[in-house]
Amino acid sequence: MNIEVSSSIHLMYVNEIQQEMYDSAQRRGTGIAKRSIEYLSKKIAEGNAVVATDKGKWVGFCYIETWSHGQFVANSGLIVSPDFRHLGVATLIKDKVFALSRNKYPEAKIFGLTTGLAVMKINSDLGYKPVIYSELTQDEEFWNGCKSCVNYEILIKKERKNCLCTAMLFVPENKKKNSAENSQQDNRYNNEQESSFSV
């Protein structure tokens, strides 16, 4: 089996990928934001997706999207062909698309919304943490993508603060270190200020 960054040679699979995304969402009764053939084709051709194949047959797929001017990246549309499920393919695809995201956007926070326990486990293993929705991008275009989800009314009723999906976020280590260093500097500054006031 090959799991590789997409290119125009993978465009032959786009109809099958789109149909399986739709069918899978229907079977589970949950929403996957609907994506057009044109949109998925663009992701594939630009190398912003990962495609798994086996002997010329499509096996799995996932793509990346950027939001808030590249501050956030989402790994979206993870799907595995029914013939290849329960073989660990989703984990391999997520590993590859996560690496692609980190390579292309090393400073970005990577996030996902999912109702699937398997995806939550994979995300957790990659270093994602569950977060509240306000920690995610507030880009209107991202949230507009939820309109095709069967649970969209719930999201709106809850004022976009939560829904049936679990939000998960990966924050790059360098950002965590920078935040910690800034916090320490702030603490040192506050301590120095307190000392000078007490003298």
C-alpha atoms as a PDB file:
ATOM      1  CA  MET A   1       0.000   0.000   0.000  1.00  0.00           C
ATOM      2  CA  ASN A   2       1.194   3.524  -0.847  1.00  0.00           C
ATOM      3  CA  ILE A   3       0.356   6.533   1.324  1.00  0.00           C
ATOM      4  CA  GLU A   4       1.619   9.697  -0.313  1.00  0.00           C
ATOM      5  CA  VAL A   5       1.149  13.416  -0.676  1.00  0.00           C
ATOM      6  CA  SER A   6      -1.344  13.979  -3.471  1.00  0.00           C
ATOM      7  CA  SER A   7      -0.637  15.194  -6.980  1.00  0.00           C
ATOM      8  CA  SER A   8      -2.560  15.425 -10.241  1.00  0.00           C
ATOM      9  CA  ILE A   9      -2.061  11.678 -10.828  1.00  0.00           C
ATOM     10  CA  HIS A  10      -4.564  11.056  -7.997  1.00  0.00           C
ATOM     11  CA  LEU A  11      -7.375  13.058  -9.624  1.00  0.00           C
ATOM     12  CA  MET A  12      -8.741   9.808 -11.068  1.00  0.00           C
ATOM     13  CA  TYR A  13     -10.017   8.918  -7.581  1.00  0.00           C
ATOM     14  CA  VAL A  14     -11.853  12.168  -6.771  1.00  0.00           C
ATOM     15  CA  ASN A  15     -15.382  11.009  -7.684  1.00  0.00           C
ATOM     16  CA  GLU A  16     -15.023   7.866  -5.614  1.00  0.00           C
ATOM     17  CA  ILE A  17     -13.637   9.824  -2.656  1.00  0.00           C
ATOM     18  CA  GLN A  18     -16.464  12.360  -2.727  1.00  0.00           C
ATOM     19  CA  GLN A  19     -19.121   9.645  -2.963  1.00  0.00           C
ATOM     20  CA  GLU A  20     -17.666   7.683  -0.064  1.00  0.00           C
ATOM     21  CA  MET A  21     -17.526  10.833   2.084  1.00  0.00           C
ATOM     22  CA  TYR A  22     -21.234  11.359   1.452  1.00  0.00           C
ATOM     23  CA  ASP A  23     -22.198   7.689   1.913  1.00  0.00           C
ATOM     24  CA  SER A  24     -20.229   7.395   5.143  1.00  0.00           C
ATOM     25  CA  ALA A  25     -21.894  10.473   6.617  1.00  0.00           C
ATOM     26  CA  GLN A  26     -25.313   9.097   5.678  1.00  0.00           C
ATOM     27  CA  ARG A  27     -24.590   5.724   7.282  1.00  0.00           C
ATOM     28  CA  ARG A  28     -23.385   7.281  10.522  1.00  0.00           C
ATOM     29  CA  GLY A  29     -26.098   9.912  10.633  1.00  0.00           C
ATOM     30  CA  THR A  30     -23.471  12.560  11.280  1.00  0.00           C
ATOM     31  CA  GLY A  31     -22.321  15.428   9.192  1.00  0.00           C
ATOM     32  CA  ILE A  32     -19.252  15.767   7.078  1.00  0.00           C
ATOM     33  CA  ALA A  33     -19.171  19.191   5.472  1.00  0.00           C
ATOM     34  CA  LYS A  34     -20.011  18.558   1.831  1.00  0.00           C
ATOM     35  CA  ARG A  35     -17.179  19.260  -0.588  1.00  0.00           C
ATOM     36  CA  SER A  36     -17.527  19.677  -4.333  1.00  0.00           C
ATOM     37  CA  ILE A  37     -15.552  17.708  -6.909  1.00  0.00           C
ATOM     38  CA  GLU A  38     -13.850  20.980  -7.883  1.00  0.00           C
ATOM     39  CA  TYR A  39     -12.817  21.707  -4.305  1.00  0.00           C
ATOM     40  CA  LEU A  40     -11.409  18.217  -3.692  1.00  0.00           C
ATOM     41  CA  SER A  41      -9.683  18.237  -7.093  1.00  0.00           C
ATOM     42  CA  LYS A  42      -7.946  21.506  -6.219  1.00  0.00           C
ATOM     43  CA  LYS A  43      -6.712  20.079  -2.897  1.00  0.00           C
ATOM     44  CA  ILE A  44      -5.382  16.979  -4.654  1.00  0.00           C
ATOM     45  CA  ALA A  45      -3.692  18.836  -7.517  1.00  0.00           C
ATOM     46  CA  GLU A  46      -2.034  21.360  -5.174  1.00  0.00           C
ATOM     47  CA  GLY A  47      -0.512  18.664  -2.952  1.00  0.00           C
ATOM     48  CA  ASN A  48      -2.700  19.607  -0.005  1.00  0.00           C
ATOM     49  CA  ALA A  49      -3.993  16.097   0.563  1.00  0.00           C
ATOM     50  CA  VAL A  50      -2.823  12.580   1.330  1.00  0.00           C
ATOM     51  CA  VAL A  51      -4.017   9.645  -0.762  1.00  0.00           C
ATOM     52  CA  ALA A  52      -3.607   5.966   0.059  1.00  0.00           C
ATOM     53  CA  THR A  53      -3.733   3.450  -2.791  1.00  0.00           C
ATOM     54  CA  ASP A  54      -3.183  -0.256  -3.203  1.00  0.00           C
ATOM     55  CA  LYS A  55      -2.441  -1.779  -6.609  1.00  0.00           C
ATOM     56  CA  GLY A  56      -4.139   1.102  -8.385  1.00  0.00           C
ATOM     57  CA  LYS A  57      -7.199   1.057  -6.111  1.00  0.00           C
ATOM     58  CA  TRP A  58      -8.180   3.983  -3.896  1.00  0.00           C
ATOM     59  CA  VAL A  59      -7.830   3.152  -0.181  1.00  0.00           C
ATOM     60  CA  GLY A  60      -8.093   6.379   1.827  1.00  0.00           C
ATOM     61  CA  PHE A  61      -7.900  10.160   1.797  1.00  0.00           C
ATOM     62  CA  CYS A  62      -7.524  13.288   3.932  1.00  0.00           C
ATOM     63  CA  TYR A  63      -6.813  16.934   3.056  1.00  0.00           C
ATOM     64  CA  ILE A  64      -5.569  20.076   4.763  1.00  0.00           C
ATOM     65  CA  GLU A  65      -7.170  23.495   4.952  1.00  0.00           C
ATOM     66  CA  THR A  66      -5.778  26.733   6.349  1.00  0.00           C
ATOM     67  CA  TRP A  67      -7.786  29.308   8.286  1.00  0.00           C
ATOM     68  CA  SER A  68      -7.235  32.708   9.881  1.00  0.00           C
ATOM     69  CA  HIS A  69      -4.414  33.594   7.466  1.00  0.00           C
ATOM     70  CA  GLY A  70      -2.495  30.388   8.163  1.00  0.00           C
ATOM     71  CA  GLN A  71      -2.694  30.581  11.954  1.00  0.00           C
ATOM     72  CA  PHE A  72      -4.839  27.436  11.992  1.00  0.00           C
ATOM     73  CA  VAL A  73      -4.745  24.256   9.922  1.00  0.00           C
ATOM     74  CA  ALA A  74      -7.442  21.590   9.820  1.00  0.00           C
ATOM     75  CA  ASN A  75      -6.934  18.004   8.675  1.00  0.00           C
ATOM     76  CA  SER A  76     -10.321  17.343   7.111  1.00  0.00           C
ATOM     77  CA  GLY A  77     -12.344  14.782   5.207  1.00  0.00           C
ATOM     78  CA  LEU A  78     -10.587  11.681   6.548  1.00  0.00           C
ATOM     79  CA  ILE A  79     -12.158   8.722   4.791  1.00  0.00           C
ATOM     80  CA  VAL A  80     -11.168   5.086   4.247  1.00  0.00           C
ATOM     81  CA  SER A  81     -12.674   2.793   1.612  1.00  0.00           C
ATOM     82  CA  PRO A  82     -14.992   0.199   3.209  1.00  0.00           C
ATOM     83  CA  ASP A  83     -12.796  -2.614   1.828  1.00  0.00           C
ATOM     84  CA  PHE A  84      -9.824  -1.378   3.856  1.00  0.00           C
ATOM     85  CA  ARG A  85     -11.376  -0.432   7.196  1.00  0.00           C
ATOM     86  CA  HIS A  86     -10.214  -1.854  10.546  1.00  0.00           C
ATOM     87  CA  LEU A  87      -6.663  -2.321   9.218  1.00  0.00           C
ATOM     88  CA  GLY A  88      -5.095   0.797  10.750  1.00  0.00           C
ATOM     89  CA  VAL A  89      -5.189   2.756   7.491  1.00  0.00           C
ATOM     90  CA  ALA A  90      -6.837   5.817   9.076  1.00  0.00           C
ATOM     91  CA  THR A  91      -3.992   6.111  11.587  1.00  0.00           C
ATOM     92  CA  LEU A  92      -1.372   5.934   8.826  1.00  0.00           C
ATOM     93  CA  ILE A  93      -3.181   8.574   6.765  1.00  0.00           C
ATOM     94  CA  LYS A  94      -3.571  10.877   9.766  1.00  0.00           C
ATOM     95  CA  ASP A  95       0.135  10.499  10.585  1.00  0.00           C
ATOM     96  CA  LYS A  96       1.039  11.467   7.023  1.00  0.00           C
ATOM     97  CA  VAL A  97      -1.373  14.421   6.742  1.00  0.00           C
ATOM     98  CA  PHE A  98      -0.298  15.657  10.189  1.00  0.00           C
ATOM     99  CA  ALA A  99       3.347  15.585   9.041  1.00  0.00           C
ATOM    100  CA  LEU A 100       2.358  17.409   5.836  1.00  0.00           C
ATOM    101  CA  SER A 101       0.589  20.096   7.891  1.00  0.00           C
ATOM    102  CA  ARG A 102       3.572  20.532  10.220  1.00  0.00           C
ATOM    103  CA  ASN A 103       5.941  20.719   7.260  1.00  0.00           C
ATOM    104  CA  LYS A 104       3.903  23.277   5.305  1.00  0.00           C
ATOM    105  CA  TYR A 105       2.703  25.313   8.289  1.00  0.00           C
ATOM    106  CA  PRO A 106       5.146  24.730  11.200  1.00  0.00           C
ATOM    107  CA  GLU A 107       3.828  27.654  13.265  1.00  0.00           C
ATOM    108  CA  ALA A 108       0.118  26.870  12.823  1.00  0.00           C
ATOM    109  CA  LYS A 109      -2.189  25.324  15.379  1.00  0.00           C
ATOM    110  CA  ILE A 110      -3.786  22.162  13.991  1.00  0.00           C
ATOM    111  CA  PHE A 111      -7.386  21.431  14.892  1.00  0.00           C
ATOM    112  CA  GLY A 112     -10.251  19.119  14.173  1.00  0.00           C
ATOM    113  CA  LEU A 113     -13.921  18.618  14.931  1.00  0.00           C
ATOM    114  CA  THR A 114     -15.140  15.043  15.097  1.00  0.00           C
ATOM    115  CA  THR A 115     -17.822  12.769  16.501  1.00  0.00           C
ATOM    116  CA  GLY A 116     -15.717   9.659  15.893  1.00  0.00           C
ATOM    117  CA  LEU A 117     -14.039   8.004  18.873  1.00  0.00           C
ATOM    118  CA  ALA A 118     -11.407   6.412  16.623  1.00  0.00           C
ATOM    119  CA  VAL A 119     -10.407   9.815  15.235  1.00  0.00           C
ATOM    120  CA  MET A 120     -10.310  11.280  18.755  1.00  0.00           C
ATOM    121  CA  LYS A 121      -7.905   8.505  19.781  1.00  0.00           C
ATOM    122  CA  ILE A 122      -5.685   9.092  16.732  1.00  0.00           C
ATOM    123  CA  ASN A 123      -5.675  12.850  17.373  1.00  0.00           C
ATOM    124  CA  SER A 124      -4.853  12.326  21.036  1.00  0.00           C
ATOM    125  CA  ASP A 125      -1.894  10.106  20.112  1.00  0.00           C
ATOM    126  CA  LEU A 126      -0.618  12.900  17.833  1.00  0.00           C
ATOM    127  CA  GLY A 127      -0.715  15.402  20.701  1.00  0.00           C
ATOM    128  CA  TYR A 128      -4.095  17.061  20.205  1.00  0.00           C
ATOM    129  CA  LYS A 129      -6.020  18.096  23.330  1.00  0.00           C
ATOM    130  CA  PRO A 130      -9.801  18.547  23.689  1.00  0.00           C
ATOM    131  CA  VAL A 131     -10.685  22.254  23.767  1.00  0.00           C
ATOM    132  CA  ILE A 132     -13.699  24.544  23.789  1.00  0.00           C
ATOM    133  CA  TYR A 133     -14.863  25.890  20.433  1.00  0.00           C
ATOM    134  CA  SER A 134     -13.605  29.411  21.158  1.00  0.00           C
ATOM    135  CA  GLU A 135     -10.021  28.020  20.988  1.00  0.00           C
ATOM    136  CA  LEU A 136     -10.529  27.212  17.290  1.00  0.00           C
ATOM    137  CA  THR A 137     -10.445  29.529  14.303  1.00  0.00           C
ATOM    138  CA  GLN A 138     -13.229  32.078  14.270  1.00  0.00           C
ATOM    139  CA  ASP A 139     -13.019  32.345  10.474  1.00  0.00           C
ATOM    140  CA  GLU A 140     -16.614  32.596   9.237  1.00  0.00           C
ATOM    141  CA  GLU A 141     -15.836  30.557   6.142  1.00  0.00           C
ATOM    142  CA  PHE A 142     -14.851  27.585   8.304  1.00  0.00           C
ATOM    143  CA  TRP A 143     -18.092  27.671  10.267  1.00  0.00           C
ATOM    144  CA  ASN A 144     -20.095  28.124   7.064  1.00  0.00           C
ATOM    145  CA  GLY A 145     -18.750  24.713   6.090  1.00  0.00           C
ATOM    146  CA  CYS A 146     -20.852  23.245   8.910  1.00  0.00           C
ATOM    147  CA  LYS A 147     -24.081  24.288   7.155  1.00  0.00           C
ATOM    148  CA  SER A 148     -24.249  20.991   5.253  1.00  0.00           C
ATOM    149  CA  CYS A 149     -23.994  19.027   8.513  1.00  0.00           C
ATOM    150  CA  VAL A 150     -27.172  17.426   9.875  1.00  0.00           C
ATOM    151  CA  ASN A 151     -26.324  18.936  13.286  1.00  0.00           C
ATOM    152  CA  TYR A 152     -25.953  22.534  12.083  1.00  0.00           C
ATOM    153  CA  GLU A 153     -29.109  23.715  13.897  1.00  0.00           C
ATOM    154  CA  ILE A 154     -27.661  22.470  17.183  1.00  0.00           C
ATOM    155  CA  LEU A 155     -24.467  24.447  16.558  1.00  0.00           C
ATOM    156  CA  ILE A 156     -26.459  27.632  15.908  1.00  0.00           C
ATOM    157  CA  LYS A 157     -28.782  27.122  18.891  1.00  0.00           C
ATOM    158  CA  LYS A 158     -25.706  26.784  21.097  1.00  0.00           C
ATOM    159  CA  GLU A 159     -24.325  30.040  19.641  1.00  0.00           C
ATOM    160  CA  ARG A 160     -21.379  28.147  18.141  1.00  0.00           C
ATOM    161  CA  LYS A 161     -20.026  27.419  21.622  1.00  0.00           C
ATOM    162  CA  ASN A 162     -20.394  23.648  21.228  1.00  0.00           C
ATOM    163  CA  CYS A 163     -22.176  20.942  19.270  1.00  0.00           C
ATOM    164  CA  LEU A 164     -22.080  17.143  18.998  1.00  0.00           C
ATOM    165  CA  CYS A 165     -18.519  17.256  17.644  1.00  0.00           C
ATOM    166  CA  THR A 166     -15.539  17.282  19.984  1.00  0.00           C
ATOM    167  CA  ALA A 167     -13.031  20.040  19.236  1.00  0.00           C
ATOM    168  CA  MET A 168      -9.371  19.035  19.444  1.00  0.00           C
ATOM    169  CA  LEU A 169      -6.298  21.236  19.060  1.00  0.00           C
ATOM    170  CA  PHE A 170      -2.572  20.681  18.587  1.00  0.00           C
ATOM    171  CA  VAL A 171      -0.326  23.594  19.568  1.00  0.00           C
ATOM    172  CA  PRO A 172       3.262  23.430  18.246  1.00  0.00           C
ATOM    173  CA  GLU A 173       5.914  22.993  20.942  1.00  0.00           C
ATOM    174  CA  ASN A 174       7.716  26.182  20.001  1.00  0.00           C
ATOM    175  CA  LYS A 175       4.527  28.136  20.672  1.00  0.00           C
ATOM    176  CA  LYS A 176       4.151  26.456  24.059  1.00  0.00           C
ATOM    177  CA  LYS A 177       7.803  27.231  24.900  1.00  0.00           C
ATOM    178  CA  ASN A 178       7.418  30.839  23.780  1.00  0.00           C
ATOM    179  CA  SER A 179       4.282  31.207  25.890  1.00  0.00           C
ATOM    180  CA  ALA A 180       6.048  29.686  28.896  1.00  0.00           C
ATOM    181  CA  GLU A 181       9.080  31.969  28.415  1.00  0.00           C
ATOM    182  CA  ASN A 182       6.853  35.029  28.075  1.00  0.00           C
ATOM    183  CA  SER A 183       4.973  34.001  31.185  1.00  0.00           C
ATOM    184  CA  GLN A 184       8.235  33.575  33.119  1.00  0.00           C
ATOM    185  CA  GLN A 185       9.430  36.982  31.933  1.00  0.00           C
ATOM    186  CA  ASP A 186       6.128  38.501  33.004  1.00  0.00           C
ATOM    187  CA  ASN A 187       6.455  36.825  36.400  1.00  0.00           C
ATOM    188  CA  ARG A 188      10.051  38.078  36.793  1.00  0.00           C
ATOM    189  CA  TYR A 189       8.903  41.581  35.848  1.00  0.00           C
ATOM    190  CA  ASN A 190       6.024  41.414  38.338  1.00  0.00           C
ATOM    191  CA  ASN A 191       8.336  40.125  41.072  1.00  0.00           C
ATOM    192  CA  GLU A 192      10.819  42.929  40.373  1.00  0.00           C
ATOM    193  CA  GLN A 193       7.991  45.451  40.475  1.00  0.00           C
ATOM    194  CA  GLU A 194       6.728  44.035  43.775  1.00  0.00           C
ATOM    195  CA  SER A 195      10.270  44.148  45.210  1.00  0.00           C
ATOM    196  CA  SER A 196      10.761  47.748  44.181  1.00  0.00           C
ATOM    197  CA  PHE A 197       7.399  48.702  45.695  1.00  0.00           C
ATOM    198  CA  SER A 198       8.193  46.997  48.988  1.00  0.00           C
ATOM    199  CA  VAL A 199      11.549  48.765  49.388  1.00  0.00           C
END
